[in-house]
Amino acid sequence: MACSDRSNWALLSVLGVPGWGPLHLLLKQRSDPAQIAQRLRQSLDHAGLPVSGCDVPGGRLLAALLRSQADLDPVAPPGDGAALAALRFRHRLVCRDAHLLIIHSWERQGSCRRWHSLGPGQRLEEFLQSRP
């Protein structure tokens, strides 16, 4: 798939990580939930952190994500307007405390292109296990 095809691009918002402000990252390659899980697994591996039993420090995961995934582009907070109009997926990774990471995904569907939740937010370990 060409990088100019925005139909599968996504936004990953990372919120609540101690020592970091809110970070919004544009993903310019296939970025459905399975691909996000793969990217997170690669980042955990890059940081030497376990994939299962994920009691992962949010700051270490975020730093590893930025180092191991060179195609992530930081963007300004998008709101819900035109900046998101061309994107197919949206993911939010929230650090509830230093080690509790919750991820939630949405997809644009239908002719009116509204955001539809792809299920409830999941702990990082559950998210990774449900997308092998």
C-alpha atoms as a PDB file:
ATOM      1  CA  MET A   1       0.000   0.000   0.000  1.00  0.00           C
ATOM      2  CA  ALA A   2       1.316   3.417  -0.866  1.00  0.00           C
ATOM      3  CA  CYS A   3       1.923   5.819   1.975  1.00  0.00           C
ATOM      4  CA  SER A   4      -0.160   8.441   0.168  1.00  0.00           C
ATOM      5  CA  ASP A   5      -3.293   6.274   0.576  1.00  0.00           C
ATOM      6  CA  ARG A   6      -4.779   7.851   3.689  1.00  0.00           C
ATOM      7  CA  SER A   7      -7.721   5.442   3.883  1.00  0.00           C
ATOM      8  CA  ASN A   8      -5.894   3.221   6.377  1.00  0.00           C
ATOM      9  CA  TRP A   9      -3.962   5.894   8.262  1.00  0.00           C
ATOM     10  CA  ALA A  10      -4.629   6.278  11.967  1.00  0.00           C
ATOM     11  CA  LEU A  11      -4.130   8.548  14.905  1.00  0.00           C
ATOM     12  CA  LEU A  12      -2.640   7.159  18.107  1.00  0.00           C
ATOM     13  CA  SER A  13      -3.194   9.403  21.127  1.00  0.00           C
ATOM     14  CA  VAL A  14      -1.092   8.590  24.183  1.00  0.00           C
ATOM     15  CA  LEU A  15      -2.370  10.210  27.365  1.00  0.00           C
ATOM     16  CA  GLY A  16      -1.515  10.259  31.052  1.00  0.00           C
ATOM     17  CA  VAL A  17       2.029   8.898  30.843  1.00  0.00           C
ATOM     18  CA  PRO A  18       4.054  10.244  33.788  1.00  0.00           C
ATOM     19  CA  GLY A  19       6.727  12.665  32.608  1.00  0.00           C
ATOM     20  CA  TRP A  20       5.099  13.128  29.189  1.00  0.00           C
ATOM     21  CA  GLY A  21       2.415  15.487  27.988  1.00  0.00           C
ATOM     22  CA  PRO A  22      -0.405  14.273  25.754  1.00  0.00           C
ATOM     23  CA  LEU A  23       1.096  12.954  22.530  1.00  0.00           C
ATOM     24  CA  HIS A  24      -0.770  12.470  19.264  1.00  0.00           C
ATOM     25  CA  LEU A  25       0.936  10.411  16.574  1.00  0.00           C
ATOM     26  CA  LEU A  26      -0.059  10.014  12.938  1.00  0.00           C
ATOM     27  CA  LEU A  27       0.505   6.498  11.616  1.00  0.00           C
ATOM     28  CA  LYS A  28       0.911   6.521   7.845  1.00  0.00           C
ATOM     29  CA  GLN A  29       0.794   2.806   7.223  1.00  0.00           C
ATOM     30  CA  ARG A  30      -1.865   0.160   7.761  1.00  0.00           C
ATOM     31  CA  SER A  31      -2.967   0.877  11.312  1.00  0.00           C
ATOM     32  CA  ASP A  32      -5.914  -1.314  12.247  1.00  0.00           C
ATOM     33  CA  PRO A  33      -5.953  -2.709  15.816  1.00  0.00           C
ATOM     34  CA  ALA A  34      -3.948  -5.816  14.812  1.00  0.00           C
ATOM     35  CA  GLN A  35      -1.214  -3.607  13.363  1.00  0.00           C
ATOM     36  CA  ILE A  36      -1.212  -1.404  16.474  1.00  0.00           C
ATOM     37  CA  ALA A  37      -0.806  -4.555  18.576  1.00  0.00           C
ATOM     38  CA  GLN A  38       2.122  -5.612  16.395  1.00  0.00           C
ATOM     39  CA  ARG A  39       3.758  -2.187  16.781  1.00  0.00           C
ATOM     40  CA  LEU A  40       3.306  -2.296  20.551  1.00  0.00           C
ATOM     41  CA  ARG A  41       4.783  -5.816  20.720  1.00  0.00           C
ATOM     42  CA  GLN A  42       7.796  -4.642  18.698  1.00  0.00           C
ATOM     43  CA  SER A  43       8.207  -1.690  21.052  1.00  0.00           C
ATOM     44  CA  LEU A  44       8.017  -3.912  24.131  1.00  0.00           C
ATOM     45  CA  ASP A  45      10.625  -6.210  22.618  1.00  0.00           C
ATOM     46  CA  HIS A  46      12.822  -3.215  21.728  1.00  0.00           C
ATOM     47  CA  ALA A  47      12.688  -2.078  25.371  1.00  0.00           C
ATOM     48  CA  GLY A  48      13.298  -5.574  26.722  1.00  0.00           C
ATOM     49  CA  LEU A  49       9.881  -5.591  28.382  1.00  0.00           C
ATOM     50  CA  PRO A  50       7.648  -8.683  28.578  1.00  0.00           C
ATOM     51  CA  VAL A  51       4.651  -8.982  26.268  1.00  0.00           C
ATOM     52  CA  SER A  52       2.692 -11.122  28.715  1.00  0.00           C
ATOM     53  CA  GLY A  53       2.168 -10.117  32.307  1.00  0.00           C
ATOM     54  CA  CYS A  54       2.366  -6.564  31.007  1.00  0.00           C
ATOM     55  CA  ASP A  55       3.035  -4.564  34.109  1.00  0.00           C
ATOM     56  CA  VAL A  56       4.728  -2.116  31.775  1.00  0.00           C
ATOM     57  CA  PRO A  57       5.919   1.325  32.817  1.00  0.00           C
ATOM     58  CA  GLY A  58       4.055   3.707  30.509  1.00  0.00           C
ATOM     59  CA  GLY A  59       7.065   5.976  30.037  1.00  0.00           C
ATOM     60  CA  ARG A  60       9.316   3.107  28.973  1.00  0.00           C
ATOM     61  CA  LEU A  61       6.746   1.828  26.488  1.00  0.00           C
ATOM     62  CA  LEU A  62       6.224   5.276  24.981  1.00  0.00           C
ATOM     63  CA  ALA A  63       9.968   5.915  24.662  1.00  0.00           C
ATOM     64  CA  ALA A  64      10.431   2.496  23.033  1.00  0.00           C
ATOM     65  CA  LEU A  65       7.495   3.127  20.688  1.00  0.00           C
ATOM     66  CA  LEU A  66       9.041   6.382  19.488  1.00  0.00           C
ATOM     67  CA  ARG A  67      12.487   4.782  19.042  1.00  0.00           C
ATOM     68  CA  SER A  68      11.327   1.589  17.325  1.00  0.00           C
ATOM     69  CA  GLN A  69       8.607   3.003  15.051  1.00  0.00           C
ATOM     70  CA  ALA A  70      10.307   5.574  12.820  1.00  0.00           C
ATOM     71  CA  ASP A  71       7.187   6.366  10.756  1.00  0.00           C
ATOM     72  CA  LEU A  72       5.232   7.979  13.617  1.00  0.00           C
ATOM     73  CA  ASP A  73       4.644  11.697  13.090  1.00  0.00           C
ATOM     74  CA  PRO A  74       3.704  13.846  16.093  1.00  0.00           C
ATOM     75  CA  VAL A  75       0.756  16.120  15.322  1.00  0.00           C
ATOM     76  CA  ALA A  76      -1.145  18.817  17.173  1.00  0.00           C
ATOM     77  CA  PRO A  77      -4.192  17.706  19.181  1.00  0.00           C
ATOM     78  CA  PRO A  78      -6.714  16.992  16.442  1.00  0.00           C
ATOM     79  CA  GLY A  79     -10.100  17.555  18.071  1.00  0.00           C
ATOM     80  CA  ASP A  80     -12.782  15.893  15.963  1.00  0.00           C
ATOM     81  CA  GLY A  81     -12.680  18.103  12.888  1.00  0.00           C
ATOM     82  CA  ALA A  82     -11.104  18.078   9.463  1.00  0.00           C
ATOM     83  CA  ALA A  83      -7.774  16.709  10.724  1.00  0.00           C
ATOM     84  CA  LEU A  84      -9.449  13.357  11.393  1.00  0.00           C
ATOM     85  CA  ALA A  85     -11.711  13.309   8.342  1.00  0.00           C
ATOM     86  CA  ALA A  86      -9.388  11.228   6.143  1.00  0.00           C
ATOM     87  CA  LEU A  87      -8.334   8.789   8.852  1.00  0.00           C
ATOM     88  CA  ARG A  88      -9.841   5.324   9.113  1.00  0.00           C
ATOM     89  CA  PHE A  89      -8.733   4.377  12.635  1.00  0.00           C
ATOM     90  CA  ARG A  90      -8.210   6.143  15.910  1.00  0.00           C
ATOM     91  CA  HIS A  91      -6.524   4.574  18.937  1.00  0.00           C
ATOM     92  CA  ARG A  92      -6.153   5.950  22.459  1.00  0.00           C
ATOM     93  CA  LEU A  93      -3.580   4.543  24.885  1.00  0.00           C
ATOM     94  CA  VAL A  94      -4.153   5.860  28.401  1.00  0.00           C
ATOM     95  CA  CYS A  95      -1.857   5.362  31.360  1.00  0.00           C
ATOM     96  CA  ARG A  96      -4.167   5.109  34.412  1.00  0.00           C
ATOM     97  CA  ASP A  97      -1.235   4.931  36.788  1.00  0.00           C
ATOM     98  CA  ALA A  98       2.432   4.336  36.091  1.00  0.00           C
ATOM     99  CA  HIS A  99       1.785   0.726  35.011  1.00  0.00           C
ATOM    100  CA  LEU A 100      -1.905   0.371  34.028  1.00  0.00           C
ATOM    101  CA  LEU A 101      -2.243   0.950  30.298  1.00  0.00           C
ATOM    102  CA  ILE A 102      -5.676   0.901  28.631  1.00  0.00           C
ATOM    103  CA  ILE A 103      -6.139   0.989  24.855  1.00  0.00           C
ATOM    104  CA  HIS A 104      -9.352   1.780  22.968  1.00  0.00           C
ATOM    105  CA  SER A 105      -9.843   1.761  19.184  1.00  0.00           C
ATOM    106  CA  TRP A 106     -12.395   3.273  16.810  1.00  0.00           C
ATOM    107  CA  GLU A 107     -12.996   2.946  13.078  1.00  0.00           C
ATOM    108  CA  ARG A 108     -14.826   5.211  10.663  1.00  0.00           C
ATOM    109  CA  GLN A 109     -17.696   3.266   9.161  1.00  0.00           C
ATOM    110  CA  GLY A 110     -20.686   3.826   6.952  1.00  0.00           C
ATOM    111  CA  SER A 111     -21.569   6.504   4.487  1.00  0.00           C
ATOM    112  CA  CYS A 112     -21.633   9.218   7.151  1.00  0.00           C
ATOM    113  CA  ARG A 113     -18.130   8.204   8.303  1.00  0.00           C
ATOM    114  CA  ARG A 114     -18.928   8.315  12.025  1.00  0.00           C
ATOM    115  CA  TRP A 115     -16.525   6.881  14.566  1.00  0.00           C
ATOM    116  CA  HIS A 116     -17.597   3.462  15.855  1.00  0.00           C
ATOM    117  CA  SER A 117     -15.978   1.845  18.855  1.00  0.00           C
ATOM    118  CA  LEU A 118     -14.273  -1.463  18.137  1.00  0.00           C
ATOM    119  CA  GLY A 119     -15.052  -2.686  21.637  1.00  0.00           C
ATOM    120  CA  PRO A 120     -14.437  -1.535  25.176  1.00  0.00           C
ATOM    121  CA  GLY A 121     -11.069  -0.240  26.262  1.00  0.00           C
ATOM    122  CA  GLN A 122      -8.752  -3.097  27.190  1.00  0.00           C
ATOM    123  CA  ARG A 123      -5.718  -3.480  29.403  1.00  0.00           C
ATOM    124  CA  LEU A 124      -2.614  -3.602  27.257  1.00  0.00           C
ATOM    125  CA  GLU A 125      -2.004  -7.309  27.963  1.00  0.00           C
ATOM    126  CA  GLU A 126      -5.589  -8.229  26.974  1.00  0.00           C
ATOM    127  CA  PHE A 127      -5.360  -6.108  23.821  1.00  0.00           C
ATOM    128  CA  LEU A 128      -2.132  -7.829  22.761  1.00  0.00           C
ATOM    129  CA  GLN A 129      -3.449 -11.323  23.578  1.00  0.00           C
ATOM    130  CA  SER A 130      -6.658 -10.783  21.595  1.00  0.00           C
ATOM    131  CA  ARG A 131      -4.698  -9.781  18.468  1.00  0.00           C
ATOM    132  CA  PRO A 132      -2.006 -12.427  17.830  1.00  0.00           C
END
